[in-house]
Amino acid sequence: MALDQHHYDFTLAALLIARQRFKEVSSPRQNEVERWINSLRQAIGQQQFATLQEFVEPRLQQIVEQELRAKRAQHEEE
């Protein structure tokens, strides 16, 4: 997985939000999200994942909204 730190932040934030939502509705897709989270953990290593998770968890919505705004602005420029 060749993502820079910014993309790791967004990826983990999106996955953690998905995990929360799937858990709220008891979705069978919870296991898929867990596999994706575990894949990210394996790709970057346990230590970096733990650091990333500490940074991301308190700001899930902020990270996702910021990335979506940036993508929207980029798209409007094209």
C-alpha atoms as a PDB file:
ATOM      1  CA  MET A   1       0.000   0.000   0.000  1.00  0.00           C
ATOM      2  CA  ALA A   2       1.767   3.121  -1.208  1.00  0.00           C
ATOM      3  CA  LEU A   3      -0.082   5.943   0.487  1.00  0.00           C
ATOM      4  CA  ASP A   4       1.389   9.034   2.087  1.00  0.00           C
ATOM      5  CA  GLN A   5       0.594  10.049   5.670  1.00  0.00           C
ATOM      6  CA  HIS A   6      -2.297  12.278   4.628  1.00  0.00           C
ATOM      7  CA  HIS A   7      -3.962   9.387   2.844  1.00  0.00           C
ATOM      8  CA  TYR A   8      -3.403   7.070   5.797  1.00  0.00           C
ATOM      9  CA  ASP A   9      -5.199   9.594   8.005  1.00  0.00           C
ATOM     10  CA  PHE A  10      -8.167   9.769   5.677  1.00  0.00           C
ATOM     11  CA  THR A  11      -8.245   6.021   5.028  1.00  0.00           C
ATOM     12  CA  LEU A  12      -8.242   5.100   8.693  1.00  0.00           C
ATOM     13  CA  ALA A  13     -10.779   7.808   9.575  1.00  0.00           C
ATOM     14  CA  ALA A  14     -13.152   6.587   6.868  1.00  0.00           C
ATOM     15  CA  LEU A  15     -12.737   2.976   7.962  1.00  0.00           C
ATOM     16  CA  LEU A  16     -13.333   3.802  11.618  1.00  0.00           C
ATOM     17  CA  ILE A  17     -16.491   5.734  10.732  1.00  0.00           C
ATOM     18  CA  ALA A  18     -17.653   2.792   8.615  1.00  0.00           C
ATOM     19  CA  ARG A  19     -16.937   0.449  11.532  1.00  0.00           C
ATOM     20  CA  GLN A  20     -19.061   2.621  13.844  1.00  0.00           C
ATOM     21  CA  ARG A  21     -21.960   2.825  11.401  1.00  0.00           C
ATOM     22  CA  PHE A  22     -21.949  -0.879  10.581  1.00  0.00           C
ATOM     23  CA  LYS A  23     -21.830  -1.705  14.276  1.00  0.00           C
ATOM     24  CA  GLU A  24     -24.803   0.592  14.972  1.00  0.00           C
ATOM     25  CA  VAL A  25     -26.949  -1.300  12.472  1.00  0.00           C
ATOM     26  CA  SER A  26     -25.462  -4.744  13.188  1.00  0.00           C
ATOM     27  CA  SER A  27     -24.347  -5.059   9.580  1.00  0.00           C
ATOM     28  CA  PRO A  28     -22.743  -8.297   8.432  1.00  0.00           C
ATOM     29  CA  ARG A  29     -20.213  -6.101   6.595  1.00  0.00           C
ATOM     30  CA  GLN A  30     -18.498  -5.280   9.896  1.00  0.00           C
ATOM     31  CA  ASN A  31     -16.064  -8.112   9.204  1.00  0.00           C
ATOM     32  CA  GLU A  32     -15.063  -6.574   5.862  1.00  0.00           C
ATOM     33  CA  VAL A  33     -14.221  -3.282   7.518  1.00  0.00           C
ATOM     34  CA  GLU A  34     -12.176  -5.098  10.165  1.00  0.00           C
ATOM     35  CA  ARG A  35     -10.231  -6.861   7.409  1.00  0.00           C
ATOM     36  CA  TRP A  36      -9.509  -3.519   5.715  1.00  0.00           C
ATOM     37  CA  ILE A  37      -8.365  -2.013   9.014  1.00  0.00           C
ATOM     38  CA  ASN A  38      -6.136  -5.037   9.622  1.00  0.00           C
ATOM     39  CA  SER A  39      -4.715  -4.739   6.091  1.00  0.00           C
ATOM     40  CA  LEU A  40      -3.784  -1.117   6.786  1.00  0.00           C
ATOM     41  CA  ARG A  41      -2.224  -2.162  10.120  1.00  0.00           C
ATOM     42  CA  GLN A  42      -0.127  -4.810   8.353  1.00  0.00           C
ATOM     43  CA  ALA A  43       0.869  -2.432   5.548  1.00  0.00           C
ATOM     44  CA  ILE A  44       2.238   0.277   7.837  1.00  0.00           C
ATOM     45  CA  GLY A  45       3.236  -1.769  10.875  1.00  0.00           C
ATOM     46  CA  GLN A  46       1.755  -2.004  14.349  1.00  0.00           C
ATOM     47  CA  GLN A  47       3.708   0.909  15.849  1.00  0.00           C
ATOM     48  CA  GLN A  48       2.862   3.383  13.077  1.00  0.00           C
ATOM     49  CA  PHE A  49      -0.744   2.158  13.074  1.00  0.00           C
ATOM     50  CA  ALA A  50      -1.065   2.762  16.822  1.00  0.00           C
ATOM     51  CA  THR A  51       0.338   6.287  16.437  1.00  0.00           C
ATOM     52  CA  LEU A  52      -1.956   6.941  13.501  1.00  0.00           C
ATOM     53  CA  GLN A  53      -4.988   5.650  15.386  1.00  0.00           C
ATOM     54  CA  GLU A  54      -4.213   7.917  18.361  1.00  0.00           C
ATOM     55  CA  PHE A  55      -4.082  10.910  16.018  1.00  0.00           C
ATOM     56  CA  VAL A  56      -7.137   9.996  13.930  1.00  0.00           C
ATOM     57  CA  GLU A  57      -9.714   8.748  16.449  1.00  0.00           C
ATOM     58  CA  PRO A  58     -10.442  12.090  18.147  1.00  0.00           C
ATOM     59  CA  ARG A  59     -10.901  13.842  14.778  1.00  0.00           C
ATOM     60  CA  LEU A  60     -12.670  11.335  12.521  1.00  0.00           C
ATOM     61  CA  GLN A  61     -15.310  13.680  11.106  1.00  0.00           C
ATOM     62  CA  GLN A  62     -12.880  16.577  10.733  1.00  0.00           C
ATOM     63  CA  ILE A  63     -10.401  14.495   8.717  1.00  0.00           C
ATOM     64  CA  VAL A  64     -13.054  13.075   6.398  1.00  0.00           C
ATOM     65  CA  GLU A  65     -14.793  16.420   5.868  1.00  0.00           C
ATOM     66  CA  GLN A  66     -11.476  18.164   5.164  1.00  0.00           C
ATOM     67  CA  GLU A  67     -10.530  15.559   2.553  1.00  0.00           C
ATOM     68  CA  LEU A  68     -13.947  15.728   0.897  1.00  0.00           C
ATOM     69  CA  ARG A  69     -13.736  19.544   0.709  1.00  0.00           C
ATOM     70  CA  ALA A  70     -10.269  19.293  -0.825  1.00  0.00           C
ATOM     71  CA  LYS A  71     -11.457  16.753  -3.410  1.00  0.00           C
ATOM     72  CA  ARG A  72     -14.478  18.900  -4.234  1.00  0.00           C
ATOM     73  CA  ALA A  73     -12.283  21.992  -4.707  1.00  0.00           C
ATOM     74  CA  GLN A  74      -9.848  20.016  -6.856  1.00  0.00           C
ATOM     75  CA  HIS A  75     -12.694  18.737  -8.992  1.00  0.00           C
ATOM     76  CA  GLU A  76     -14.090  22.250  -9.445  1.00  0.00           C
ATOM     77  CA  GLU A  77     -10.689  23.475 -10.642  1.00  0.00           C
ATOM     78  CA  GLU A  78     -10.582  20.847 -13.389  1.00  0.00           C
END
